[in-house]
């Protein structure tokens, strides 16, 4: 398996998926859009994994490369119909690239939360393989407002009704983070945009509790990532 990874900030990388990919004998190449890197042609890659970042999908005037990234995603998903996995910003970019609206939430969602499967998820090979409810890490202030044409919402919670979606057979987006490692919260807390949303959502005391709670939940989160990776790669024909 050859994986193409799109990153938008150094600290948002494949995280725990790196060990899972390595265990599967997969290799991956990273494109750092925020550093001016451009992606290779998609031939020869089996999966496009698009990570999170502090920017928003509508900031094309400030970050013109967002338009190029969306065009690449659109080609990958609509024309080539190859497996896609988007997390947080990568979930929102999938929606935006395919013409669905993305906008700000009433309040940022940050912390350990649970999401539940939608009724439609019972027929989805990824979601049907996961235990419910799904405990996950959230850190976002924007959300997908509607699924793109050909899409279906797979998970939701009270804060965000489209926590997961599938478009076609092989493109998946997840608003929450599956790839959590012991370094995730400490590293992200040092990013100014993330620190502001953390304090706005939880306050100073809540932010410290969040770090401790995430550390305590790491065994569950890691096991969840392992189960997710097996289910996802099997569902899209990579296993």
C-alpha atoms as a PDB file:
ATOM      1  CA  UNK A   1       0.000   0.000   0.000  1.00  0.00           C
ATOM      2  CA  UNK A   2       1.295   3.445  -0.931  1.00  0.00           C
ATOM      3  CA  UNK A   3      -0.309   6.345   0.919  1.00  0.00           C
ATOM      4  CA  UNK A   4      -0.203  10.023  -0.010  1.00  0.00           C
ATOM      5  CA  UNK A   5      -0.569  12.255   3.067  1.00  0.00           C
ATOM      6  CA  UNK A   6      -1.621  15.897   2.865  1.00  0.00           C
ATOM      7  CA  UNK A   7      -0.537  17.979   5.885  1.00  0.00           C
ATOM      8  CA  UNK A   8      -1.275  21.614   6.743  1.00  0.00           C
ATOM      9  CA  UNK A   9       0.835  22.030   9.902  1.00  0.00           C
ATOM     10  CA  UNK A  10       3.723  19.936  11.260  1.00  0.00           C
ATOM     11  CA  UNK A  11       1.948  18.736  14.394  1.00  0.00           C
ATOM     12  CA  UNK A  12      -1.063  17.322  12.516  1.00  0.00           C
ATOM     13  CA  UNK A  13       0.390  14.194  10.961  1.00  0.00           C
ATOM     14  CA  UNK A  14      -0.920  10.607  10.699  1.00  0.00           C
ATOM     15  CA  UNK A  15      -0.197  10.085  14.401  1.00  0.00           C
ATOM     16  CA  UNK A  16      -0.992   6.561  15.553  1.00  0.00           C
ATOM     17  CA  UNK A  17      -1.751   5.542  11.976  1.00  0.00           C
ATOM     18  CA  UNK A  18       1.993   5.621  11.288  1.00  0.00           C
ATOM     19  CA  UNK A  19       2.559   2.467  13.328  1.00  0.00           C
ATOM     20  CA  UNK A  20      -0.505   0.813  11.818  1.00  0.00           C
ATOM     21  CA  UNK A  21       0.612   1.625   8.285  1.00  0.00           C
ATOM     22  CA  UNK A  22       4.110   0.366   8.997  1.00  0.00           C
ATOM     23  CA  UNK A  23       2.705  -2.880  10.432  1.00  0.00           C
ATOM     24  CA  UNK A  24       0.801  -3.372   7.182  1.00  0.00           C
ATOM     25  CA  UNK A  25       3.980  -2.820   5.162  1.00  0.00           C
ATOM     26  CA  UNK A  26       2.616   0.446   3.798  1.00  0.00           C
ATOM     27  CA  UNK A  27       4.795   3.388   2.777  1.00  0.00           C
ATOM     28  CA  UNK A  28       3.743   7.012   2.650  1.00  0.00           C
ATOM     29  CA  UNK A  29       4.813  10.320   1.173  1.00  0.00           C
ATOM     30  CA  UNK A  30       3.870  13.624   2.783  1.00  0.00           C
ATOM     31  CA  UNK A  31       2.929  16.867   1.047  1.00  0.00           C
ATOM     32  CA  UNK A  32       3.081  19.948   3.314  1.00  0.00           C
ATOM     33  CA  UNK A  33       0.724  22.381   1.596  1.00  0.00           C
ATOM     34  CA  UNK A  34       1.460  25.100   4.176  1.00  0.00           C
ATOM     35  CA  UNK A  35       5.142  25.000   3.180  1.00  0.00           C
ATOM     36  CA  UNK A  36       4.508  25.431  -0.525  1.00  0.00           C
ATOM     37  CA  UNK A  37       4.931  21.787  -1.483  1.00  0.00           C
ATOM     38  CA  UNK A  38       2.905  20.438  -4.388  1.00  0.00           C
ATOM     39  CA  UNK A  39       1.551  16.910  -4.726  1.00  0.00           C
ATOM     40  CA  UNK A  40       2.739  14.261  -7.154  1.00  0.00           C
ATOM     41  CA  UNK A  41       0.447  12.744  -9.742  1.00  0.00           C
ATOM     42  CA  UNK A  42      -1.958  10.281  -8.118  1.00  0.00           C
ATOM     43  CA  UNK A  43      -0.865   7.277 -10.134  1.00  0.00           C
ATOM     44  CA  UNK A  44       0.977   4.811  -7.948  1.00  0.00           C
ATOM     45  CA  UNK A  45      -0.829   5.805  -4.742  1.00  0.00           C
ATOM     46  CA  UNK A  46      -3.581   3.716  -3.191  1.00  0.00           C
ATOM     47  CA  UNK A  47      -4.916   6.041  -0.497  1.00  0.00           C
ATOM     48  CA  UNK A  48      -5.086   9.801   0.030  1.00  0.00           C
ATOM     49  CA  UNK A  49      -5.051  10.720   3.731  1.00  0.00           C
ATOM     50  CA  UNK A  50      -5.793  14.398   4.465  1.00  0.00           C
ATOM     51  CA  UNK A  51      -5.016  15.677   7.947  1.00  0.00           C
ATOM     52  CA  UNK A  52      -6.190  18.642  10.024  1.00  0.00           C
ATOM     53  CA  UNK A  53      -4.912  22.187  10.293  1.00  0.00           C
ATOM     54  CA  UNK A  54      -5.633  25.595  11.824  1.00  0.00           C
ATOM     55  CA  UNK A  55      -6.935  27.177   8.605  1.00  0.00           C
ATOM     56  CA  UNK A  56     -10.501  27.102   7.278  1.00  0.00           C
ATOM     57  CA  UNK A  57     -11.613  25.757   3.913  1.00  0.00           C
ATOM     58  CA  UNK A  58     -12.985  29.154   2.822  1.00  0.00           C
ATOM     59  CA  UNK A  59      -9.677  31.033   3.248  1.00  0.00           C
ATOM     60  CA  UNK A  60      -8.617  30.727  -0.389  1.00  0.00           C
ATOM     61  CA  UNK A  61      -7.896  34.457  -0.720  1.00  0.00           C
ATOM     62  CA  UNK A  62      -5.322  34.206   2.086  1.00  0.00           C
ATOM     63  CA  UNK A  63      -4.131  30.721   1.172  1.00  0.00           C
ATOM     64  CA  UNK A  64      -4.512  30.223  -2.597  1.00  0.00           C
ATOM     65  CA  UNK A  65      -3.177  26.676  -2.401  1.00  0.00           C
ATOM     66  CA  UNK A  66      -6.460  25.610  -0.796  1.00  0.00           C
ATOM     67  CA  UNK A  67      -8.091  25.841  -4.228  1.00  0.00           C
ATOM     68  CA  UNK A  68      -5.400  23.585  -5.690  1.00  0.00           C
ATOM     69  CA  UNK A  69      -5.785  21.093  -2.869  1.00  0.00           C
ATOM     70  CA  UNK A  70      -9.551  20.955  -3.339  1.00  0.00           C
ATOM     71  CA  UNK A  71      -9.124  20.414  -7.069  1.00  0.00           C
ATOM     72  CA  UNK A  72      -6.768  17.502  -6.369  1.00  0.00           C
ATOM     73  CA  UNK A  73      -9.233  15.999  -3.875  1.00  0.00           C
ATOM     74  CA  UNK A  74     -12.113  16.413  -6.324  1.00  0.00           C
ATOM     75  CA  UNK A  75     -10.174  14.608  -9.044  1.00  0.00           C
ATOM     76  CA  UNK A  76      -9.090  11.854  -6.650  1.00  0.00           C
ATOM     77  CA  UNK A  77     -12.611  11.181  -5.383  1.00  0.00           C
ATOM     78  CA  UNK A  78     -14.893  11.961  -8.334  1.00  0.00           C
ATOM     79  CA  UNK A  79     -12.762  11.039 -11.336  1.00  0.00           C
ATOM     80  CA  UNK A  80     -10.390   8.386 -10.032  1.00  0.00           C
ATOM     81  CA  UNK A  81     -12.723   7.008  -7.330  1.00  0.00           C
ATOM     82  CA  UNK A  82      -9.773   6.049  -5.148  1.00  0.00           C
ATOM     83  CA  UNK A  83      -9.845   5.581  -1.349  1.00  0.00           C
ATOM     84  CA  UNK A  84      -9.833   8.834   0.632  1.00  0.00           C
ATOM     85  CA  UNK A  85      -9.576   9.389   4.384  1.00  0.00           C
ATOM     86  CA  UNK A  86     -10.063  12.918   5.735  1.00  0.00           C
ATOM     87  CA  UNK A  87      -9.733  13.898   9.380  1.00  0.00           C
ATOM     88  CA  UNK A  88     -11.003  17.211  10.827  1.00  0.00           C
ATOM     89  CA  UNK A  89      -9.926  19.760   8.174  1.00  0.00           C
ATOM     90  CA  UNK A  90      -9.550  16.824   5.781  1.00  0.00           C
ATOM     91  CA  UNK A  91     -13.222  15.976   6.398  1.00  0.00           C
ATOM     92  CA  UNK A  92     -14.226  19.566   5.696  1.00  0.00           C
ATOM     93  CA  UNK A  93     -12.031  19.751   2.583  1.00  0.00           C
ATOM     94  CA  UNK A  94     -13.752  16.669   1.178  1.00  0.00           C
ATOM     95  CA  UNK A  95     -17.127  18.348   1.599  1.00  0.00           C
ATOM     96  CA  UNK A  96     -15.988  21.700   0.205  1.00  0.00           C
ATOM     97  CA  UNK A  97     -14.173  20.127  -2.752  1.00  0.00           C
ATOM     98  CA  UNK A  98     -17.385  18.356  -3.732  1.00  0.00           C
ATOM     99  CA  UNK A  99     -19.616  21.413  -3.415  1.00  0.00           C
ATOM    100  CA  UNK A 100     -21.069  21.023   0.088  1.00  0.00           C
ATOM    101  CA  UNK A 101     -21.191  23.937   2.561  1.00  0.00           C
ATOM    102  CA  UNK A 102     -18.768  24.256   5.464  1.00  0.00           C
ATOM    103  CA  UNK A 103     -19.132  26.985   8.080  1.00  0.00           C
ATOM    104  CA  UNK A 104     -18.446  28.076  11.633  1.00  0.00           C
ATOM    105  CA  UNK A 105     -20.086  26.371  14.570  1.00  0.00           C
ATOM    106  CA  UNK A 106     -21.955  28.273  17.245  1.00  0.00           C
ATOM    107  CA  UNK A 107     -19.127  27.337  19.629  1.00  0.00           C
ATOM    108  CA  UNK A 108     -15.929  25.315  19.195  1.00  0.00           C
ATOM    109  CA  UNK A 109     -16.084  21.640  20.090  1.00  0.00           C
ATOM    110  CA  UNK A 110     -12.943  20.685  22.007  1.00  0.00           C
ATOM    111  CA  UNK A 111     -12.410  17.759  24.314  1.00  0.00           C
ATOM    112  CA  UNK A 112     -13.148  14.088  24.682  1.00  0.00           C
ATOM    113  CA  UNK A 113     -16.670  13.426  23.481  1.00  0.00           C
ATOM    114  CA  UNK A 114     -18.812  10.612  22.176  1.00  0.00           C
ATOM    115  CA  UNK A 115     -20.436  10.310  18.772  1.00  0.00           C
ATOM    116  CA  UNK A 116     -23.190   7.910  17.795  1.00  0.00           C
ATOM    117  CA  UNK A 117     -23.862   6.214  14.500  1.00  0.00           C
ATOM    118  CA  UNK A 118     -26.738   7.401  12.341  1.00  0.00           C
ATOM    119  CA  UNK A 119     -29.372   4.886  11.193  1.00  0.00           C
ATOM    120  CA  UNK A 120     -27.698   4.851   7.763  1.00  0.00           C
ATOM    121  CA  UNK A 121     -24.417   3.738   9.344  1.00  0.00           C
ATOM    122  CA  UNK A 122     -25.808   0.258   9.980  1.00  0.00           C
ATOM    123  CA  UNK A 123     -25.224  -0.493   6.295  1.00  0.00           C
ATOM    124  CA  UNK A 124     -21.729   1.020   6.218  1.00  0.00           C
ATOM    125  CA  UNK A 125     -18.845  -1.476   6.456  1.00  0.00           C
ATOM    126  CA  UNK A 126     -16.638   0.857   8.517  1.00  0.00           C
ATOM    127  CA  UNK A 127     -19.135   2.144  11.044  1.00  0.00           C
ATOM    128  CA  UNK A 128     -20.846  -1.211  11.476  1.00  0.00           C
ATOM    129  CA  UNK A 129     -17.536  -2.697  12.621  1.00  0.00           C
ATOM    130  CA  UNK A 130     -16.961  -0.138  15.391  1.00  0.00           C
ATOM    131  CA  UNK A 131     -18.196  -0.272  18.953  1.00  0.00           C
ATOM    132  CA  UNK A 132     -20.819   2.309  19.898  1.00  0.00           C
ATOM    133  CA  UNK A 133     -20.798   4.973  21.098  1.00  0.00           C
ATOM    134  CA  UNK A 134     -17.410   6.086  19.777  1.00  0.00           C
ATOM    135  CA  UNK A 135     -15.265   7.972  22.287  1.00  0.00           C
ATOM    136  CA  UNK A 136     -13.066  10.424  20.404  1.00  0.00           C
ATOM    137  CA  UNK A 137     -11.013  13.600  20.557  1.00  0.00           C
ATOM    138  CA  UNK A 138     -12.540  16.767  19.107  1.00  0.00           C
ATOM    139  CA  UNK A 139     -10.825  20.067  18.321  1.00  0.00           C
ATOM    140  CA  UNK A 140     -12.699  22.146  15.748  1.00  0.00           C
ATOM    141  CA  UNK A 141     -14.631  25.359  15.318  1.00  0.00           C
ATOM    142  CA  UNK A 142     -16.072  24.695  11.844  1.00  0.00           C
ATOM    143  CA  UNK A 143     -18.329  21.939  10.586  1.00  0.00           C
ATOM    144  CA  UNK A 144     -19.741  20.397   7.447  1.00  0.00           C
ATOM    145  CA  UNK A 145     -23.259  21.781   7.083  1.00  0.00           C
ATOM    146  CA  UNK A 146     -24.562  19.249   4.533  1.00  0.00           C
ATOM    147  CA  UNK A 147     -23.184  16.137   2.875  1.00  0.00           C
ATOM    148  CA  UNK A 148     -22.084  16.408  -0.768  1.00  0.00           C
ATOM    149  CA  UNK A 149     -24.072  14.787  -3.585  1.00  0.00           C
ATOM    150  CA  UNK A 150     -23.714  11.038  -3.302  1.00  0.00           C
ATOM    151  CA  UNK A 151     -22.829  11.336   0.391  1.00  0.00           C
ATOM    152  CA  UNK A 152     -24.345   9.934   3.561  1.00  0.00           C
ATOM    153  CA  UNK A 153     -23.899  11.069   7.173  1.00  0.00           C
ATOM    154  CA  UNK A 154     -22.603   8.237   9.349  1.00  0.00           C
ATOM    155  CA  UNK A 155     -22.149   9.708  12.841  1.00  0.00           C
ATOM    156  CA  UNK A 156     -23.416  12.662  14.856  1.00  0.00           C
ATOM    157  CA  UNK A 157     -23.613  14.259  18.272  1.00  0.00           C
ATOM    158  CA  UNK A 158     -25.456  17.233  19.731  1.00  0.00           C
ATOM    159  CA  UNK A 159     -22.673  19.689  18.858  1.00  0.00           C
ATOM    160  CA  UNK A 160     -22.180  18.614  15.242  1.00  0.00           C
ATOM    161  CA  UNK A 161     -24.694  16.603  13.186  1.00  0.00           C
ATOM    162  CA  UNK A 162     -22.158  15.448  10.553  1.00  0.00           C
ATOM    163  CA  UNK A 163     -19.332  13.902  12.548  1.00  0.00           C
ATOM    164  CA  UNK A 164     -18.614  11.331   9.851  1.00  0.00           C
ATOM    165  CA  UNK A 165     -19.658  10.820   6.253  1.00  0.00           C
ATOM    166  CA  UNK A 166     -19.035   8.643   3.253  1.00  0.00           C
ATOM    167  CA  UNK A 167     -19.130   9.859  -0.339  1.00  0.00           C
ATOM    168  CA  UNK A 168     -19.492   7.137  -2.914  1.00  0.00           C
ATOM    169  CA  UNK A 169     -17.961   3.829  -1.873  1.00  0.00           C
ATOM    170  CA  UNK A 170     -14.411   4.779  -0.887  1.00  0.00           C
ATOM    171  CA  UNK A 171     -14.230   8.398   0.351  1.00  0.00           C
ATOM    172  CA  UNK A 172     -14.659   8.901   4.095  1.00  0.00           C
ATOM    173  CA  UNK A 173     -14.458  12.017   6.237  1.00  0.00           C
ATOM    174  CA  UNK A 174     -14.363  12.180  10.047  1.00  0.00           C
ATOM    175  CA  UNK A 175     -14.693  15.434  11.953  1.00  0.00           C
ATOM    176  CA  UNK A 176     -13.171  13.905  15.060  1.00  0.00           C
ATOM    177  CA  UNK A 177      -9.592  12.699  15.501  1.00  0.00           C
ATOM    178  CA  UNK A 178      -8.815   8.982  15.416  1.00  0.00           C
ATOM    179  CA  UNK A 179      -5.025   9.288  15.183  1.00  0.00           C
ATOM    180  CA  UNK A 180      -4.345  10.429  18.781  1.00  0.00           C
ATOM    181  CA  UNK A 181      -0.917   9.827  20.362  1.00  0.00           C
ATOM    182  CA  UNK A 182       0.566  10.821  23.755  1.00  0.00           C
ATOM    183  CA  UNK A 183       1.968  13.951  22.080  1.00  0.00           C
ATOM    184  CA  UNK A 184      -1.259  15.148  20.460  1.00  0.00           C
ATOM    185  CA  UNK A 185      -2.694  17.410  23.160  1.00  0.00           C
ATOM    186  CA  UNK A 186       0.667  18.850  24.360  1.00  0.00           C
ATOM    187  CA  UNK A 187       1.789  19.658  20.802  1.00  0.00           C
ATOM    188  CA  UNK A 188      -1.522  21.081  19.627  1.00  0.00           C
ATOM    189  CA  UNK A 189      -1.885  23.180  22.773  1.00  0.00           C
ATOM    190  CA  UNK A 190       1.202  25.129  21.696  1.00  0.00           C
ATOM    191  CA  UNK A 191      -0.406  26.192  18.381  1.00  0.00           C
ATOM    192  CA  UNK A 192      -1.884  29.680  19.006  1.00  0.00           C
ATOM    193  CA  UNK A 193      -5.109  29.063  17.072  1.00  0.00           C
ATOM    194  CA  UNK A 194      -5.679  25.771  18.856  1.00  0.00           C
ATOM    195  CA  UNK A 195      -4.840  27.202  22.261  1.00  0.00           C
ATOM    196  CA  UNK A 196      -7.449  29.944  21.780  1.00  0.00           C
ATOM    197  CA  UNK A 197     -10.174  27.486  20.813  1.00  0.00           C
ATOM    198  CA  UNK A 198      -9.204  25.220  23.722  1.00  0.00           C
ATOM    199  CA  UNK A 199      -9.574  28.001  26.274  1.00  0.00           C
ATOM    200  CA  UNK A 200     -12.736  29.343  24.630  1.00  0.00           C
ATOM    201  CA  UNK A 201     -14.365  25.926  24.828  1.00  0.00           C
ATOM    202  CA  UNK A 202     -13.115  24.687  28.199  1.00  0.00           C
ATOM    203  CA  UNK A 203     -11.502  27.553  30.099  1.00  0.00           C
ATOM    204  CA  UNK A 204      -8.049  27.363  31.680  1.00  0.00           C
ATOM    205  CA  UNK A 205      -8.998  24.773  34.292  1.00  0.00           C
ATOM    206  CA  UNK A 206     -10.917  22.674  31.766  1.00  0.00           C
ATOM    207  CA  UNK A 207      -7.942  22.696  29.416  1.00  0.00           C
ATOM    208  CA  UNK A 208      -5.739  21.076  32.067  1.00  0.00           C
ATOM    209  CA  UNK A 209      -8.426  18.494  32.819  1.00  0.00           C
ATOM    210  CA  UNK A 210      -8.718  17.739  29.099  1.00  0.00           C
ATOM    211  CA  UNK A 211      -5.016  16.917  28.866  1.00  0.00           C
ATOM    212  CA  UNK A 212      -5.245  14.575  31.841  1.00  0.00           C
ATOM    213  CA  UNK A 213      -8.420  12.935  30.576  1.00  0.00           C
ATOM    214  CA  UNK A 214      -6.881  12.338  27.156  1.00  0.00           C
ATOM    215  CA  UNK A 215      -3.825  10.738  28.709  1.00  0.00           C
ATOM    216  CA  UNK A 216      -6.034   8.446  30.766  1.00  0.00           C
ATOM    217  CA  UNK A 217      -8.112   7.540  27.705  1.00  0.00           C
ATOM    218  CA  UNK A 218      -5.126   6.750  25.469  1.00  0.00           C
ATOM    219  CA  UNK A 219      -5.455   2.949  25.733  1.00  0.00           C
ATOM    220  CA  UNK A 220      -9.091   3.171  24.609  1.00  0.00           C
ATOM    221  CA  UNK A 221      -8.285   5.693  21.872  1.00  0.00           C
ATOM    222  CA  UNK A 222      -5.369   3.609  20.608  1.00  0.00           C
ATOM    223  CA  UNK A 223      -7.461   0.457  20.504  1.00  0.00           C
ATOM    224  CA  UNK A 224     -10.173   2.385  18.714  1.00  0.00           C
ATOM    225  CA  UNK A 225      -7.695   3.603  16.082  1.00  0.00           C
ATOM    226  CA  UNK A 226      -6.490   0.043  15.518  1.00  0.00           C
ATOM    227  CA  UNK A 227     -10.034  -1.247  15.010  1.00  0.00           C
ATOM    228  CA  UNK A 228     -10.893   1.701  12.819  1.00  0.00           C
ATOM    229  CA  UNK A 229      -7.827   1.177  10.592  1.00  0.00           C
ATOM    230  CA  UNK A 230      -8.632  -2.492  10.066  1.00  0.00           C
ATOM    231  CA  UNK A 231     -12.266  -1.748   9.257  1.00  0.00           C
ATOM    232  CA  UNK A 232     -11.491   1.184   6.974  1.00  0.00           C
ATOM    233  CA  UNK A 233      -8.748  -0.504   4.935  1.00  0.00           C
ATOM    234  CA  UNK A 234     -10.909  -3.617   4.499  1.00  0.00           C
ATOM    235  CA  UNK A 235     -13.948  -1.565   3.466  1.00  0.00           C
ATOM    236  CA  UNK A 236     -12.112   0.340   0.712  1.00  0.00           C
ATOM    237  CA  UNK A 237     -10.288  -2.686  -0.638  1.00  0.00           C
ATOM    238  CA  UNK A 238      -6.819  -2.064   0.799  1.00  0.00           C
ATOM    239  CA  UNK A 239      -6.725  -5.190   2.988  1.00  0.00           C
END
